[in-house]
């Protein structure tokens, strides 16, 4: 199971390049509605959440009997910092953050993978469980990005097709 998690941690971000293919930065920053995040804000959220995830995993290794609050991006001042970054910087930071996570999890022992902390909604989870949750959360935002990009592509020219650009690896 851990080998599957490690592979997904390494390669799941590749989907983002396909999701963003053919879109301009202006399209990526376009909000579908005033109260909805843009594609860019979803990406910035993923970048910031990678930092939160890594911080939490480091704490789990050091402390016992933990409960983390739910992470709410709109209440996180650091998320605002991510939203103010240039688009290419967000992509760069996202790649660096993923590399940091991979460097953290690869040397974990079986015992360390089984360290736990409690989530207020999902209960007690091991680092393995937290990593699964992290990947599912990221995949949810990738689906959101796909849904946001669809109408933009439909409204745009034929050159805005779903294809491949590579930002990772």
N, C-alpha and C. Protein backbone atom coordinates (compact mmCIF):
# COMPACT_ATOMS: atom_id res chain seq x y z
N UNK A 1 0.82 -1.20 0.00
CA UNK A 1 0.00 0.00 0.00
C UNK A 1 0.86 1.26 0.00
N UNK A 2 1.93 1.25 0.79
CA UNK A 2 2.78 2.44 0.87
C UNK A 2 3.45 2.70 -0.48
N UNK A 3 3.82 1.66 -1.20
CA UNK A 3 4.43 1.88 -2.52
C UNK A 3 3.46 2.56 -3.47
N UNK A 4 2.18 2.23 -3.37
CA UNK A 4 1.16 2.90 -4.18
C UNK A 4 1.05 4.37 -3.80
N UNK A 5 1.07 4.65 -2.50
CA UNK A 5 1.01 6.05 -2.05
C UNK A 5 2.21 6.84 -2.56
N UNK A 6 3.38 6.24 -2.47
CA UNK A 6 4.59 6.92 -2.93
C UNK A 6 4.54 7.20 -4.42
N UNK A 7 4.04 6.25 -5.19
CA UNK A 7 3.92 6.46 -6.64
C UNK A 7 2.92 7.58 -6.94
N UNK A 8 1.80 7.58 -6.24
CA UNK A 8 0.81 8.63 -6.46
C UNK A 8 1.34 9.99 -6.02
N UNK A 9 2.06 10.02 -4.90
CA UNK A 9 2.67 11.29 -4.48
C UNK A 9 3.62 11.82 -5.55
N UNK A 10 4.35 10.93 -6.17
CA UNK A 10 5.32 11.35 -7.17
C UNK A 10 4.65 11.76 -8.48
N UNK A 11 3.66 11.00 -8.93
CA UNK A 11 3.16 11.18 -10.29
C UNK A 11 1.79 11.87 -10.39
N UNK A 12 1.01 11.91 -9.34
CA UNK A 12 -0.30 12.55 -9.44
C UNK A 12 -0.21 14.01 -9.90
N UNK A 13 0.80 14.77 -9.48
CA UNK A 13 0.88 16.16 -9.95
C UNK A 13 1.01 16.31 -11.46
N UNK A 14 1.45 15.25 -12.15
CA UNK A 14 1.54 15.32 -13.61
C UNK A 14 0.19 15.63 -14.25
N UNK A 15 -0.89 15.25 -13.60
CA UNK A 15 -2.22 15.52 -14.15
C UNK A 15 -2.46 17.02 -14.31
N UNK A 16 -1.85 17.81 -13.46
CA UNK A 16 -2.08 19.26 -13.51
C UNK A 16 -1.63 19.84 -14.85
N UNK A 17 -0.53 19.37 -15.38
CA UNK A 17 -0.07 19.90 -16.66
C UNK A 17 -1.09 19.65 -17.77
N UNK A 18 -1.72 18.51 -17.75
CA UNK A 18 -2.76 18.21 -18.74
C UNK A 18 -3.99 19.07 -18.51
N UNK A 19 -4.35 19.27 -17.26
CA UNK A 19 -5.53 20.07 -16.93
C UNK A 19 -5.36 21.53 -17.36
N UNK A 20 -4.14 22.04 -17.31
CA UNK A 20 -3.88 23.44 -17.63
C UNK A 20 -3.51 23.68 -19.09
N UNK A 21 -3.30 22.62 -19.82
CA UNK A 21 -2.84 22.72 -21.20
C UNK A 21 -3.76 23.60 -22.04
N UNK A 22 -3.15 24.54 -22.77
CA UNK A 22 -3.91 25.39 -23.68
C UNK A 22 -4.57 26.58 -23.03
N UNK A 23 -4.51 26.68 -21.72
CA UNK A 23 -5.14 27.81 -21.03
C UNK A 23 -4.13 28.93 -20.83
N UNK A 24 -4.58 30.16 -20.97
CA UNK A 24 -3.72 31.31 -20.71
C UNK A 24 -3.74 31.62 -19.21
N UNK A 25 -2.78 32.40 -18.78
CA UNK A 25 -2.78 32.80 -17.37
C UNK A 25 -4.04 33.58 -17.02
N UNK A 26 -4.51 34.44 -17.92
CA UNK A 26 -5.75 35.18 -17.65
C UNK A 26 -6.92 34.23 -17.46
N UNK A 27 -7.00 33.20 -18.27
CA UNK A 27 -8.08 32.22 -18.12
C UNK A 27 -7.95 31.46 -16.81
N UNK A 28 -6.72 31.14 -16.43
CA UNK A 28 -6.47 30.41 -15.19
C UNK A 28 -6.83 31.25 -13.97
N UNK A 29 -6.68 32.56 -14.09
CA UNK A 29 -6.99 33.46 -12.97
C UNK A 29 -8.46 33.89 -12.95
N UNK A 30 -9.20 33.56 -13.97
CA UNK A 30 -10.60 33.97 -14.09
C UNK A 30 -11.48 33.22 -13.09
N UNK A 31 -12.22 33.98 -12.29
CA UNK A 31 -13.16 33.35 -11.35
C UNK A 31 -14.47 33.04 -12.07
N UNK A 32 -15.04 31.87 -11.85
CA UNK A 32 -16.32 31.55 -12.48
C UNK A 32 -17.47 32.36 -11.89
N UNK A 33 -17.32 32.74 -10.64
CA UNK A 33 -18.29 33.60 -9.94
C UNK A 33 -17.52 34.29 -8.83
N UNK A 34 -18.06 35.39 -8.35
CA UNK A 34 -17.35 36.19 -7.34
C UNK A 34 -17.02 35.39 -6.09
N UNK A 35 -17.87 34.42 -5.76
CA UNK A 35 -17.67 33.65 -4.52
C UNK A 35 -17.02 32.29 -4.76
N UNK A 36 -16.49 32.06 -5.95
CA UNK A 36 -15.84 30.78 -6.27
C UNK A 36 -14.38 31.00 -6.63
N UNK A 37 -13.54 30.07 -6.20
CA UNK A 37 -12.12 30.16 -6.54
C UNK A 37 -11.89 29.94 -8.03
N UNK A 38 -10.89 30.62 -8.52
CA UNK A 38 -10.41 30.40 -9.89
C UNK A 38 -9.55 29.14 -9.92
N UNK A 39 -9.16 28.74 -11.12
CA UNK A 39 -8.21 27.64 -11.25
C UNK A 39 -6.94 27.99 -10.50
N UNK A 40 -6.47 29.22 -10.68
CA UNK A 40 -5.25 29.68 -10.00
C UNK A 40 -5.38 29.54 -8.49
N UNK A 41 -6.50 29.94 -7.93
CA UNK A 41 -6.68 29.86 -6.48
C UNK A 41 -6.72 28.41 -6.00
N UNK A 42 -7.28 27.52 -6.81
CA UNK A 42 -7.24 26.10 -6.47
C UNK A 42 -5.80 25.60 -6.44
N UNK A 43 -4.99 26.03 -7.40
CA UNK A 43 -3.58 25.62 -7.44
C UNK A 43 -2.83 26.21 -6.25
N UNK A 44 -3.08 27.49 -5.95
CA UNK A 44 -2.42 28.12 -4.80
C UNK A 44 -2.80 27.40 -3.51
N UNK A 45 -4.06 27.01 -3.40
CA UNK A 45 -4.52 26.26 -2.23
C UNK A 45 -3.76 24.94 -2.12
N UNK A 46 -3.60 24.24 -3.23
CA UNK A 46 -2.87 22.97 -3.19
C UNK A 46 -1.43 23.18 -2.76
N UNK A 47 -0.82 24.25 -3.23
CA UNK A 47 0.55 24.55 -2.83
C UNK A 47 0.66 24.82 -1.35
N UNK A 48 -0.24 25.64 -0.84
CA UNK A 48 -0.21 25.94 0.59
C UNK A 48 -0.54 24.70 1.41
N UNK A 49 -1.51 23.91 0.94
CA UNK A 49 -1.89 22.73 1.70
C UNK A 49 -0.76 21.70 1.75
N UNK A 50 0.08 21.66 0.73
CA UNK A 50 1.26 20.78 0.80
C UNK A 50 2.12 21.16 2.00
N UNK A 51 2.30 22.46 2.23
CA UNK A 51 3.09 22.92 3.37
C UNK A 51 2.43 22.52 4.69
N UNK A 52 1.12 22.71 4.77
CA UNK A 52 0.37 22.35 5.98
C UNK A 52 0.49 20.85 6.23
N UNK A 53 0.31 20.05 5.19
CA UNK A 53 0.42 18.60 5.31
C UNK A 53 1.79 18.20 5.84
N UNK A 54 2.84 18.73 5.26
CA UNK A 54 4.20 18.38 5.68
C UNK A 54 4.46 18.81 7.13
N UNK A 55 4.01 20.00 7.50
CA UNK A 55 4.15 20.46 8.89
C UNK A 55 3.46 19.49 9.84
N UNK A 56 2.27 19.07 9.48
CA UNK A 56 1.51 18.16 10.34
C UNK A 56 2.17 16.79 10.44
N UNK A 57 2.70 16.30 9.35
CA UNK A 57 3.36 14.99 9.40
C UNK A 57 4.60 15.04 10.28
N UNK A 58 5.32 16.14 10.23
CA UNK A 58 6.50 16.29 11.10
C UNK A 58 6.08 16.33 12.57
N UNK A 59 4.98 16.98 12.86
CA UNK A 59 4.48 17.04 14.24
C UNK A 59 4.05 15.65 14.71
N UNK A 60 3.39 14.89 13.84
CA UNK A 60 2.94 13.54 14.20
C UNK A 60 4.13 12.68 14.62
N UNK A 61 5.25 12.84 13.96
CA UNK A 61 6.43 12.04 14.32
C UNK A 61 6.98 12.41 15.69
N UNK A 62 6.74 13.63 16.14
CA UNK A 62 7.32 14.11 17.39
C UNK A 62 6.39 14.03 18.59
N UNK A 63 5.08 14.09 18.36
CA UNK A 63 4.15 14.20 19.47
C UNK A 63 3.13 13.06 19.45
N UNK A 64 2.63 12.75 20.64
CA UNK A 64 1.59 11.73 20.78
C UNK A 64 0.25 12.39 21.08
N UNK A 65 -0.82 11.67 20.84
CA UNK A 65 -2.18 12.08 21.17
C UNK A 65 -2.51 13.47 20.62
N UNK A 66 -2.44 13.58 19.33
CA UNK A 66 -2.70 14.85 18.64
C UNK A 66 -4.08 14.89 18.03
N UNK A 67 -4.67 16.06 18.02
CA UNK A 67 -5.85 16.34 17.22
C UNK A 67 -5.57 17.63 16.46
N UNK A 68 -5.70 17.57 15.15
CA UNK A 68 -5.53 18.76 14.32
C UNK A 68 -6.90 19.36 14.03
N UNK A 69 -6.96 20.68 14.00
CA UNK A 69 -8.17 21.35 13.54
C UNK A 69 -8.29 21.15 12.04
N UNK A 70 -9.50 21.30 11.54
CA UNK A 70 -9.69 21.27 10.09
C UNK A 70 -8.93 22.44 9.49
N UNK A 71 -8.31 22.22 8.36
CA UNK A 71 -7.64 23.31 7.66
C UNK A 71 -8.67 24.05 6.82
N UNK A 72 -8.76 25.36 7.02
CA UNK A 72 -9.67 26.21 6.25
C UNK A 72 -8.82 27.27 5.56
N UNK A 73 -8.65 27.14 4.27
CA UNK A 73 -7.74 28.00 3.52
C UNK A 73 -8.08 29.48 3.67
N UNK A 74 -9.36 29.80 3.59
CA UNK A 74 -9.75 31.21 3.66
C UNK A 74 -9.49 31.85 5.02
N UNK A 75 -9.16 31.05 6.01
CA UNK A 75 -8.80 31.57 7.33
C UNK A 75 -7.30 31.53 7.58
N UNK A 76 -6.53 31.18 6.56
CA UNK A 76 -5.08 31.03 6.66
C UNK A 76 -4.39 32.21 5.98
N UNK A 77 -3.71 33.07 6.75
CA UNK A 77 -3.01 34.21 6.14
C UNK A 77 -1.96 33.79 5.12
N UNK A 78 -1.37 32.61 5.31
CA UNK A 78 -0.37 32.14 4.35
C UNK A 78 -1.00 31.80 2.99
N UNK A 79 -2.26 31.41 3.00
CA UNK A 79 -2.95 31.17 1.73
C UNK A 79 -3.05 32.48 0.95
N UNK A 80 -3.31 33.56 1.64
CA UNK A 80 -3.35 34.87 0.98
C UNK A 80 -2.01 35.18 0.33
N UNK A 81 -0.92 34.81 1.00
CA UNK A 81 0.42 35.02 0.42
C UNK A 81 0.57 34.23 -0.87
N UNK A 82 0.09 33.00 -0.87
CA UNK A 82 0.16 32.17 -2.08
C UNK A 82 -0.67 32.78 -3.20
N UNK A 83 -1.84 33.33 -2.87
CA UNK A 83 -2.70 33.93 -3.90
C UNK A 83 -2.07 35.16 -4.53
N UNK A 84 -1.18 35.81 -3.80
CA UNK A 84 -0.57 37.04 -4.31
C UNK A 84 0.69 36.77 -5.14
N UNK A 85 1.13 35.52 -5.19
CA UNK A 85 2.34 35.18 -5.96
C UNK A 85 2.06 35.17 -7.46
N UNK A 86 3.09 35.42 -8.27
CA UNK A 86 2.93 35.24 -9.72
C UNK A 86 2.62 33.77 -10.03
N UNK A 87 1.88 33.57 -11.08
CA UNK A 87 1.44 32.23 -11.49
C UNK A 87 2.60 31.24 -11.61
N UNK A 88 3.65 31.62 -12.34
CA UNK A 88 4.78 30.71 -12.52
C UNK A 88 5.47 30.39 -11.20
N UNK A 89 5.47 31.35 -10.27
CA UNK A 89 6.07 31.11 -8.96
C UNK A 89 5.25 30.09 -8.17
N UNK A 90 3.93 30.17 -8.30
CA UNK A 90 3.07 29.19 -7.63
C UNK A 90 3.36 27.79 -8.17
N UNK A 91 3.47 27.66 -9.48
CA UNK A 91 3.78 26.35 -10.06
C UNK A 91 5.14 25.85 -9.60
N UNK A 92 6.11 26.74 -9.56
CA UNK A 92 7.45 26.38 -9.10
C UNK A 92 7.41 25.93 -7.63
N UNK A 93 6.75 26.72 -6.79
CA UNK A 93 6.64 26.39 -5.36
C UNK A 93 5.89 25.08 -5.15
N UNK A 94 4.89 24.84 -5.98
CA UNK A 94 4.12 23.59 -5.89
C UNK A 94 5.04 22.40 -6.15
N UNK A 95 5.89 22.50 -7.16
CA UNK A 95 6.82 21.41 -7.48
C UNK A 95 7.84 21.22 -6.36
N UNK A 96 8.34 22.31 -5.80
CA UNK A 96 9.30 22.21 -4.70
C UNK A 96 8.64 21.58 -3.48
N UNK A 97 7.42 22.00 -3.19
CA UNK A 97 6.69 21.43 -2.06
C UNK A 97 6.48 19.94 -2.19
N UNK A 98 6.18 19.49 -3.40
CA UNK A 98 6.00 18.05 -3.60
C UNK A 98 7.31 17.32 -3.40
N UNK A 99 8.38 17.89 -3.89
CA UNK A 99 9.70 17.30 -3.68
C UNK A 99 10.02 17.19 -2.19
N UNK A 100 9.68 18.22 -1.44
CA UNK A 100 9.90 18.21 0.02
C UNK A 100 9.12 17.08 0.68
N UNK A 101 7.87 16.89 0.26
CA UNK A 101 7.05 15.81 0.83
C UNK A 101 7.67 14.46 0.49
N UNK A 102 8.07 14.28 -0.75
CA UNK A 102 8.67 13.00 -1.15
C UNK A 102 9.95 12.72 -0.37
N UNK A 103 10.76 13.74 -0.16
CA UNK A 103 11.99 13.54 0.62
C UNK A 103 11.68 13.23 2.09
N UNK A 104 10.56 13.71 2.57
CA UNK A 104 10.16 13.42 3.95
C UNK A 104 9.65 11.99 4.09
N UNK A 105 8.78 11.56 3.19
CA UNK A 105 8.12 10.26 3.38
C UNK A 105 8.96 9.06 2.96
N UNK A 106 9.83 9.23 1.99
CA UNK A 106 10.60 8.07 1.50
C UNK A 106 11.37 7.34 2.60
N UNK A 107 12.05 8.03 3.51
CA UNK A 107 12.81 7.29 4.52
C UNK A 107 12.00 6.84 5.74
N UNK A 108 10.69 7.11 5.78
CA UNK A 108 9.91 6.71 6.95
C UNK A 108 9.95 5.20 7.13
N UNK A 109 10.06 4.79 8.39
CA UNK A 109 10.00 3.37 8.72
C UNK A 109 8.55 2.93 8.80
N UNK A 110 8.33 1.62 8.80
CA UNK A 110 6.97 1.10 8.94
C UNK A 110 6.33 1.63 10.22
N UNK A 111 7.10 1.67 11.28
CA UNK A 111 6.59 2.17 12.57
C UNK A 111 6.19 3.65 12.45
N UNK A 112 6.99 4.43 11.75
CA UNK A 112 6.67 5.85 11.59
C UNK A 112 5.42 6.04 10.73
N UNK A 113 5.24 5.22 9.70
CA UNK A 113 4.03 5.30 8.88
C UNK A 113 2.77 5.06 9.72
N UNK A 114 2.92 4.35 10.83
CA UNK A 114 1.77 4.00 11.67
C UNK A 114 1.51 4.99 12.80
N UNK A 115 2.32 6.03 12.91
CA UNK A 115 2.06 7.08 13.91
C UNK A 115 0.73 7.75 13.57
N UNK A 116 0.02 8.21 14.60
CA UNK A 116 -1.34 8.70 14.38
C UNK A 116 -1.57 10.12 14.90
N UNK A 117 -2.62 10.70 14.34
CA UNK A 117 -3.19 11.96 14.83
C UNK A 117 -4.67 11.93 14.45
N UNK A 118 -5.43 12.69 15.18
CA UNK A 118 -6.89 12.70 14.99
C UNK A 118 -7.32 13.89 14.13
N UNK A 119 -8.19 13.60 13.19
CA UNK A 119 -8.84 14.63 12.38
C UNK A 119 -10.24 14.80 12.96
N UNK A 120 -10.74 16.03 13.10
CA UNK A 120 -12.04 16.23 13.76
C UNK A 120 -13.23 15.62 13.01
N UNK A 121 -13.09 15.38 11.72
CA UNK A 121 -14.19 14.79 10.94
C UNK A 121 -13.94 13.32 10.64
N UNK A 122 -12.70 12.96 10.31
CA UNK A 122 -12.39 11.60 9.85
C UNK A 122 -11.80 10.70 10.92
N UNK A 123 -11.58 11.24 12.10
CA UNK A 123 -11.10 10.42 13.21
C UNK A 123 -9.60 10.23 13.19
N UNK A 124 -9.16 9.22 13.94
CA UNK A 124 -7.73 8.95 14.07
C UNK A 124 -7.21 8.28 12.80
N UNK A 125 -6.12 8.84 12.28
CA UNK A 125 -5.52 8.31 11.07
C UNK A 125 -4.01 8.18 11.27
N UNK A 126 -3.44 7.16 10.65
CA UNK A 126 -1.99 7.00 10.63
C UNK A 126 -1.41 7.98 9.61
N UNK A 127 -0.10 8.12 9.59
CA UNK A 127 0.53 8.93 8.54
C UNK A 127 0.15 8.37 7.17
N UNK A 128 0.06 7.06 7.07
CA UNK A 128 -0.40 6.46 5.82
C UNK A 128 -1.81 6.95 5.47
N UNK A 129 -2.70 6.97 6.45
CA UNK A 129 -4.06 7.45 6.23
C UNK A 129 -4.10 8.94 5.90
N UNK A 130 -3.30 9.73 6.59
CA UNK A 130 -3.22 11.16 6.29
C UNK A 130 -2.71 11.39 4.87
N UNK A 131 -1.77 10.55 4.43
CA UNK A 131 -1.24 10.69 3.08
C UNK A 131 -2.31 10.35 2.05
N UNK A 132 -3.07 9.31 2.32
CA UNK A 132 -4.20 8.96 1.44
C UNK A 132 -5.19 10.11 1.38
N UNK A 133 -5.53 10.67 2.53
CA UNK A 133 -6.44 11.82 2.59
C UNK A 133 -5.88 12.98 1.78
N UNK A 134 -4.59 13.27 1.93
CA UNK A 134 -3.93 14.35 1.20
C UNK A 134 -4.09 14.15 -0.31
N UNK A 135 -3.84 12.93 -0.78
CA UNK A 135 -3.92 12.64 -2.21
C UNK A 135 -5.36 12.73 -2.72
N UNK A 136 -6.31 12.27 -1.93
CA UNK A 136 -7.72 12.39 -2.33
C UNK A 136 -8.15 13.85 -2.39
N UNK A 137 -7.70 14.63 -1.42
CA UNK A 137 -8.00 16.06 -1.40
C UNK A 137 -7.43 16.73 -2.65
N UNK A 138 -6.19 16.40 -2.99
CA UNK A 138 -5.57 16.97 -4.19
C UNK A 138 -6.35 16.56 -5.45
N UNK A 139 -6.71 15.29 -5.53
CA UNK A 139 -7.46 14.80 -6.69
C UNK A 139 -8.81 15.51 -6.81
N UNK A 140 -9.45 15.78 -5.70
CA UNK A 140 -10.71 16.53 -5.70
C UNK A 140 -10.50 17.90 -6.35
N UNK A 141 -9.42 18.57 -5.99
CA UNK A 141 -9.15 19.89 -6.58
C UNK A 141 -8.77 19.77 -8.05
N UNK A 142 -8.12 18.69 -8.44
CA UNK A 142 -7.83 18.48 -9.86
C UNK A 142 -9.14 18.32 -10.64
N UNK A 143 -10.10 17.60 -10.08
CA UNK A 143 -11.40 17.47 -10.73
C UNK A 143 -12.09 18.83 -10.81
N UNK A 144 -12.00 19.61 -9.75
CA UNK A 144 -12.56 20.96 -9.76
C UNK A 144 -11.93 21.79 -10.88
N UNK A 145 -10.61 21.69 -11.02
CA UNK A 145 -9.90 22.43 -12.08
C UNK A 145 -10.39 21.98 -13.45
N UNK A 146 -10.57 20.68 -13.65
CA UNK A 146 -11.10 20.18 -14.92
C UNK A 146 -12.48 20.77 -15.20
N UNK A 147 -13.33 20.80 -14.18
CA UNK A 147 -14.68 21.35 -14.35
C UNK A 147 -14.65 22.85 -14.64
N UNK A 148 -13.72 23.58 -14.02
CA UNK A 148 -13.60 25.01 -14.29
C UNK A 148 -13.03 25.28 -15.68
N UNK A 149 -12.12 24.43 -16.13
CA UNK A 149 -11.48 24.62 -17.44
C UNK A 149 -12.42 24.30 -18.60
N UNK A 150 -13.36 23.39 -18.39
CA UNK A 150 -14.26 22.99 -19.47
C UNK A 150 -14.98 24.16 -20.13
N UNK A 151 -15.73 24.95 -19.37
CA UNK A 151 -16.42 26.09 -19.99
C UNK A 151 -15.47 27.11 -20.63
N UNK A 152 -14.29 27.26 -20.06
CA UNK A 152 -13.31 28.18 -20.64
C UNK A 152 -12.88 27.66 -22.01
N UNK A 153 -12.64 26.36 -22.10
CA UNK A 153 -12.23 25.76 -23.38
C UNK A 153 -13.36 25.83 -24.41
N UNK A 154 -14.57 25.56 -23.96
CA UNK A 154 -15.71 25.60 -24.87
C UNK A 154 -15.91 27.00 -25.42
N UNK A 155 -15.76 28.01 -24.57
CA UNK A 155 -15.94 29.40 -25.00
C UNK A 155 -14.77 29.90 -25.85
N UNK A 156 -13.61 29.24 -25.72
CA UNK A 156 -12.41 29.68 -26.42
C UNK A 156 -12.30 29.09 -27.81
N UNK A 157 -11.17 29.30 -28.41
CA UNK A 157 -10.92 28.77 -29.75
C UNK A 157 -10.52 27.30 -29.67
N UNK A 158 -10.39 26.68 -30.82
CA UNK A 158 -9.97 25.29 -30.90
C UNK A 158 -8.57 25.05 -30.36
N UNK A 159 -7.79 26.13 -30.21
CA UNK A 159 -6.43 25.95 -29.71
C UNK A 159 -6.40 25.69 -28.21
N UNK A 160 -7.51 25.92 -27.54
CA UNK A 160 -7.58 25.69 -26.09
C UNK A 160 -8.04 24.28 -25.80
N UNK A 161 -7.36 23.31 -26.35
CA UNK A 161 -7.79 21.93 -26.15
C UNK A 161 -7.08 21.28 -24.98
N UNK A 162 -7.73 20.29 -24.44
CA UNK A 162 -7.20 19.51 -23.33
C UNK A 162 -6.07 18.67 -23.89
N UNK A 163 -4.84 18.92 -23.46
CA UNK A 163 -3.69 18.22 -24.03
C UNK A 163 -2.58 18.07 -23.03
N UNK A 164 -1.34 18.30 -23.47
CA UNK A 164 -0.24 18.06 -22.54
C UNK A 164 0.80 19.16 -22.59
N UNK A 165 1.05 19.72 -21.44
CA UNK A 165 2.22 20.53 -21.12
C UNK A 165 2.78 19.86 -19.89
N UNK A 166 4.05 19.99 -19.63
CA UNK A 166 4.61 19.33 -18.44
C UNK A 166 5.20 20.38 -17.52
N UNK A 167 4.73 20.38 -16.27
CA UNK A 167 5.27 21.27 -15.26
C UNK A 167 6.12 20.52 -14.25
N UNK A 168 5.93 19.23 -14.13
CA UNK A 168 6.64 18.42 -13.15
C UNK A 168 7.48 17.38 -13.88
N UNK A 169 8.57 17.00 -13.29
CA UNK A 169 9.50 15.94 -13.74
C UNK A 169 10.25 16.33 -14.98
